[in-house]
Every structure is written in C-alpha cells, then in structure tokens.
C-alpha cells in the first residue's frame, strides 16, 4: 500500500515538473509578428493564454522588446505623415 502511494506521489511530481518545463520552454519561444501586432493594437484579450505568454516572454527577451519598439516607430512615422501639418 505504501508503495502505491509513493508511486502515485512520484508520478504526480514528475507530471508537475513536466508542466513547468513546458511552460518555461513556451515562454522562451519568440512571439510572432502577428502576436506583436495584435498586442500593439490592443486586440489580445488580457485573460487569454496567448496574452499571458506574450507578456511573460516580453519580460525576458530583448529581441522581442526591440521588435515591439520597431512596431511603435513605424506607427510614429505614419502618424507624422498623416498629421494635418504636412
């Protein structure tokens, strides 16, 4: 009986570790331009798993932070040319 309980505990622990590793790996995978565009436009739902992964990844990836800033720069240039002063 103790062996069965111990095996169940070990199996549960292994499953928890696998889940954490999968989450870490998914957060390290760079986000797509499509996801960046949706985030920038504010169309990613805050309760969506994609949004949570996006935010978690953006916090650790300088490459994707730079890509997000490039979206903002392009938008700023568009705003400049669309302003009434020009």
Foldseek 3Di string as FASTA:
>chain_A
DVVVVVVVVVVVVVVVVVVVVVLVVLLQDDDDPVLLVCVVVVNDDPVDPSNVSNVSNCVPDPVNVVVSVVVVVVVVVVCVVPDPVD
